[in-house]
C-alpha atoms as a PDB file:
ATOM      1  CA  MET A   1     -62.077 127.438 118.085  1.00  0.00           C
ATOM      2  CA  ILE A   2     -63.890 124.263 117.022  1.00  0.00           C
ATOM      3  CA  ARG A   3     -66.975 126.306 116.185  1.00  0.00           C
ATOM      4  CA  LEU A   4     -64.872 128.627 114.037  1.00  0.00           C
ATOM      5  CA  ALA A   5     -63.266 125.700 112.206  1.00  0.00           C
ATOM      6  CA  LEU A   6     -66.618 123.982 111.756  1.00  0.00           C
ATOM      7  CA  GLY A   7     -68.251 127.183 110.514  1.00  0.00           C
ATOM      8  CA  LEU A   8     -65.416 127.772 108.047  1.00  0.00           C
ATOM      9  CA  ALA A   9     -65.630 124.163 106.831  1.00  0.00           C
ATOM     10  CA  LEU A  10     -69.377 124.517 106.270  1.00  0.00           C
ATOM     11  CA  ILE A  11     -68.960 127.762 104.357  1.00  0.00           C
ATOM     12  CA  LEU A  12     -66.241 126.289 102.149  1.00  0.00           C
ATOM     13  CA  SER A  13     -68.172 123.091 101.505  1.00  0.00           C
ATOM     14  CA  VAL A  14     -71.247 124.862 100.180  1.00  0.00           C
ATOM     15  CA  PRO A  15     -70.907 125.230  96.431  1.00  0.00           C
ATOM     16  CA  ALA A  16     -70.702 128.781  95.199  1.00  0.00           C
ATOM     17  CA  PRO A  17     -73.860 129.925  93.484  1.00  0.00           C
ATOM     18  CA  VAL A  18     -73.757 129.753  89.739  1.00  0.00           C
ATOM     19  CA  VAL A  19     -73.390 133.218  88.338  1.00  0.00           C
ATOM     20  CA  ALA A  20     -76.384 134.004  86.203  1.00  0.00           C
ATOM     21  CA  GLN A  21     -75.436 134.767  82.660  1.00  0.00           C
ATOM     22  CA  VAL A  22     -77.258 137.655  81.114  1.00  0.00           C
ATOM     23  CA  GLN A  23     -78.402 136.783  77.666  1.00  0.00           C
ATOM     24  CA  THR A  24     -79.249 139.578  75.335  1.00  0.00           C
ATOM     25  CA  ASP A  25     -81.604 139.182  72.440  1.00  0.00           C
ATOM     26  CA  THR A  26     -79.815 138.296  69.264  1.00  0.00           C
ATOM     27  CA  PRO A  27     -79.820 141.106  66.774  1.00  0.00           C
ATOM     28  CA  PRO A  28     -82.418 140.691  64.063  1.00  0.00           C
ATOM     29  CA  GLU A  29     -81.308 139.291  60.768  1.00  0.00           C
ATOM     30  CA  ARG A  30     -80.591 142.090  58.302  1.00  0.00           C
ATOM     31  CA  PHE A  31     -83.610 141.183  56.164  1.00  0.00           C
ATOM     32  CA  ASP A  32     -85.927 141.244  59.167  1.00  0.00           C
ATOM     33  CA  ALA A  33     -84.486 144.560  60.329  1.00  0.00           C
ATOM     34  CA  ALA A  34     -85.059 146.095  56.900  1.00  0.00           C
ATOM     35  CA  ASP A  35     -88.582 144.641  56.489  1.00  0.00           C
ATOM     36  CA  THR A  36     -90.183 147.109  58.868  1.00  0.00           C
ATOM     37  CA  ASN A  37     -93.794 146.293  57.952  1.00  0.00           C
ATOM     38  CA  ASP A  38     -93.183 142.514  58.228  1.00  0.00           C
ATOM     39  CA  ASP A  39     -94.724 141.700  54.851  1.00  0.00           C
ATOM     40  CA  GLY A  40     -91.891 139.388  53.818  1.00  0.00           C
ATOM     41  CA  LYS A  41     -90.499 141.878  51.302  1.00  0.00           C
ATOM     42  CA  VAL A  42     -88.200 144.872  51.456  1.00  0.00           C
ATOM     43  CA  ASP A  43     -89.466 147.633  49.219  1.00  0.00           C
ATOM     44  CA  ARG A  44     -87.375 150.532  48.018  1.00  0.00           C
ATOM     45  CA  GLY A  45     -88.382 152.824  50.878  1.00  0.00           C
ATOM     46  CA  GLU A  46     -87.555 150.216  53.504  1.00  0.00           C
ATOM     47  CA  TYR A  47     -84.241 149.512  51.792  1.00  0.00           C
ATOM     48  CA  ASP A  48     -83.307 153.211  51.688  1.00  0.00           C
ATOM     49  CA  ASN A  49     -84.235 153.649  55.356  1.00  0.00           C
ATOM     50  CA  PHE A  50     -82.170 150.603  56.298  1.00  0.00           C
ATOM     51  CA  VAL A  51     -79.130 151.919  54.411  1.00  0.00           C
ATOM     52  CA  GLU A  52     -79.564 155.330  56.048  1.00  0.00           C
ATOM     53  CA  GLU A  53     -79.694 153.750  59.505  1.00  0.00           C
ATOM     54  CA  LEU A  54     -76.536 151.772  58.787  1.00  0.00           C
ATOM     55  CA  VAL A  55     -74.740 154.940  57.716  1.00  0.00           C
ATOM     56  CA  LEU A  56     -75.804 156.663  60.928  1.00  0.00           C
ATOM     57  CA  LEU A  57     -74.708 153.642  62.939  1.00  0.00           C
ATOM     58  CA  TYR A  58     -71.233 153.536  61.418  1.00  0.00           C
ATOM     59  CA  ASP A  59     -70.616 157.318  61.233  1.00  0.00           C
ATOM     60  CA  ALA A  60     -68.862 157.461  64.606  1.00  0.00           C
ATOM     61  CA  ASP A  61     -67.677 161.056  64.263  1.00  0.00           C
ATOM     62  CA  SER A  62     -70.991 162.310  62.806  1.00  0.00           C
ATOM     63  CA  ASP A  63     -69.343 164.078  59.876  1.00  0.00           C
ATOM     64  CA  ASP A  64     -71.899 162.789  57.316  1.00  0.00           C
ATOM     65  CA  ARG A  65     -69.364 160.584  55.595  1.00  0.00           C
ATOM     66  CA  LEU A  66     -67.798 157.235  56.347  1.00  0.00           C
ATOM     67  CA  SER A  67     -64.080 156.639  56.586  1.00  0.00           C
ATOM     68  CA  ARG A  68     -62.466 153.269  55.995  1.00  0.00           C
ATOM     69  CA  SER A  69     -61.878 152.862  59.737  1.00  0.00           C
ATOM     70  CA  GLU A  70     -65.558 153.525  60.493  1.00  0.00           C
ATOM     71  CA  VAL A  71     -66.679 150.683  58.237  1.00  0.00           C
ATOM     72  CA  ALA A  72     -63.899 148.292  59.282  1.00  0.00           C
ATOM     73  CA  THR A  73     -66.404 146.338  61.379  1.00  0.00           C
ATOM     74  CA  ALA A  74     -69.118 146.351  58.712  1.00  0.00           C
ATOM     75  CA  ARG A  75     -70.409 143.100  57.288  1.00  0.00           C
ATOM     76  CA  ASP A  76     -68.359 143.459  54.098  1.00  0.00           C
ATOM     77  CA  PRO A  77     -65.766 146.247  54.341  1.00  0.00           C
ATOM     78  CA  SER A  78     -64.308 145.153  50.974  1.00  0.00           C
ATOM     79  CA  LYS A  79     -67.165 147.043  49.285  1.00  0.00           C
ATOM     80  CA  PHE A  80     -65.588 150.306  50.426  1.00  0.00           C
ATOM     81  CA  ASP A  81     -63.477 150.652  47.262  1.00  0.00           C
ATOM     82  CA  LYS A  82     -66.469 149.875  45.032  1.00  0.00           C
ATOM     83  CA  ILE A  83     -68.557 152.586  46.688  1.00  0.00           C
ATOM     84  CA  ASP A  84     -65.805 155.227  46.957  1.00  0.00           C
ATOM     85  CA  ALA A  85     -66.173 156.496  43.372  1.00  0.00           C
ATOM     86  CA  ASN A  86     -63.818 159.477  43.717  1.00  0.00           C
ATOM     87  CA  LYS A  87     -61.248 157.431  45.704  1.00  0.00           C
ATOM     88  CA  ASP A  88     -60.920 160.066  48.451  1.00  0.00           C
ATOM     89  CA  GLU A  89     -61.103 157.419  51.216  1.00  0.00           C
ATOM     90  CA  TYR A  90     -64.543 158.609  52.353  1.00  0.00           C
ATOM     91  CA  LEU A  91     -68.008 157.425  51.442  1.00  0.00           C
ATOM     92  CA  THR A  92     -70.411 160.295  50.932  1.00  0.00           C
ATOM     93  CA  SER A  93     -74.194 160.053  50.882  1.00  0.00           C
ATOM     94  CA  ALA A  94     -74.147 160.583  47.090  1.00  0.00           C
ATOM     95  CA  GLU A  95     -71.735 157.663  46.607  1.00  0.00           C
ATOM     96  CA  ILE A  96     -73.764 155.460  48.927  1.00  0.00           C
ATOM     97  CA  THR A  97     -76.982 156.365  47.089  1.00  0.00           C
ATOM     98  CA  VAL A  98     -75.497 155.416  43.704  1.00  0.00           C
ATOM     99  CA  TYR A  99     -74.243 152.143  45.106  1.00  0.00           C
ATOM    100  CA  SER A 100     -77.519 151.330  46.865  1.00  0.00           C
ATOM    101  CA  ASP A 101     -79.490 152.084  43.686  1.00  0.00           C
ATOM    102  CA  ASN A 102     -77.382 149.543  41.808  1.00  0.00           C
ATOM    103  CA  ASP A 103     -77.411 147.100  44.726  1.00  0.00           C
ATOM    104  CA  PHE A 104     -81.203 147.193  45.055  1.00  0.00           C
ATOM    105  CA  ALA A 105     -81.673 146.704  41.315  1.00  0.00           C
ATOM    106  CA  ALA A 106     -79.285 143.741  41.315  1.00  0.00           C
ATOM    107  CA  MET A 107     -81.034 142.079  44.261  1.00  0.00           C
ATOM    108  CA  ASP A 108     -84.537 142.640  42.830  1.00  0.00           C
ATOM    109  CA  ALA A 109     -84.155 139.742  40.385  1.00  0.00           C
ATOM    110  CA  ASN A 110     -87.790 139.722  39.231  1.00  0.00           C
ATOM    111  CA  GLN A 111     -87.881 143.535  39.059  1.00  0.00           C
ATOM    112  CA  ASP A 112     -91.108 143.831  41.033  1.00  0.00           C
ATOM    113  CA  GLY A 113     -89.860 146.754  43.113  1.00  0.00           C
ATOM    114  CA  SER A 114     -89.138 144.733  46.231  1.00  0.00           C
ATOM    115  CA  ILE A 115     -86.677 142.152  47.504  1.00  0.00           C
ATOM    116  CA  ASP A 116     -88.089 138.978  48.969  1.00  0.00           C
ATOM    117  CA  ARG A 117     -86.224 136.641  51.299  1.00  0.00           C
ATOM    118  CA  ASP A 118     -85.128 134.343  48.444  1.00  0.00           C
ATOM    119  CA  GLU A 119     -83.734 137.244  46.410  1.00  0.00           C
ATOM    120  CA  ALA A 120     -81.883 138.515  49.470  1.00  0.00           C
ATOM    121  CA  ALA A 121     -80.411 135.057  50.132  1.00  0.00           C
ATOM    122  CA  ARG A 122     -79.182 134.747  46.541  1.00  0.00           C
ATOM    123  CA  SER A 123     -77.350 138.069  46.779  1.00  0.00           C
ATOM    124  CA  LYS A 124     -75.183 137.068  49.771  1.00  0.00           C
END
């Protein structure tokens, strides 16, 4: 009986091991994710590929268009109404292309065909 009590006391007195916390890598900053060749600039091809990947990421039902609910978790869901030109509550690839053309041109302040980190920061 004493051994049992002593054994239980020893077990309870030993601190529980600290549970290891799994840390995942932080997602890359949007600029870094878009700059696939790591040259410090996002050219038009990289920008288009980045936009296409975002569309694929958010298109949960794979119907080749984005509903308001699919972009609810996007960085800036308020842009939905700006992009939805025909106001049908879906973003089509044509609408996204028109918007991204204008968006790229607006961010490319020096009109050199690419967006550098400073231009990207100014457009936030």
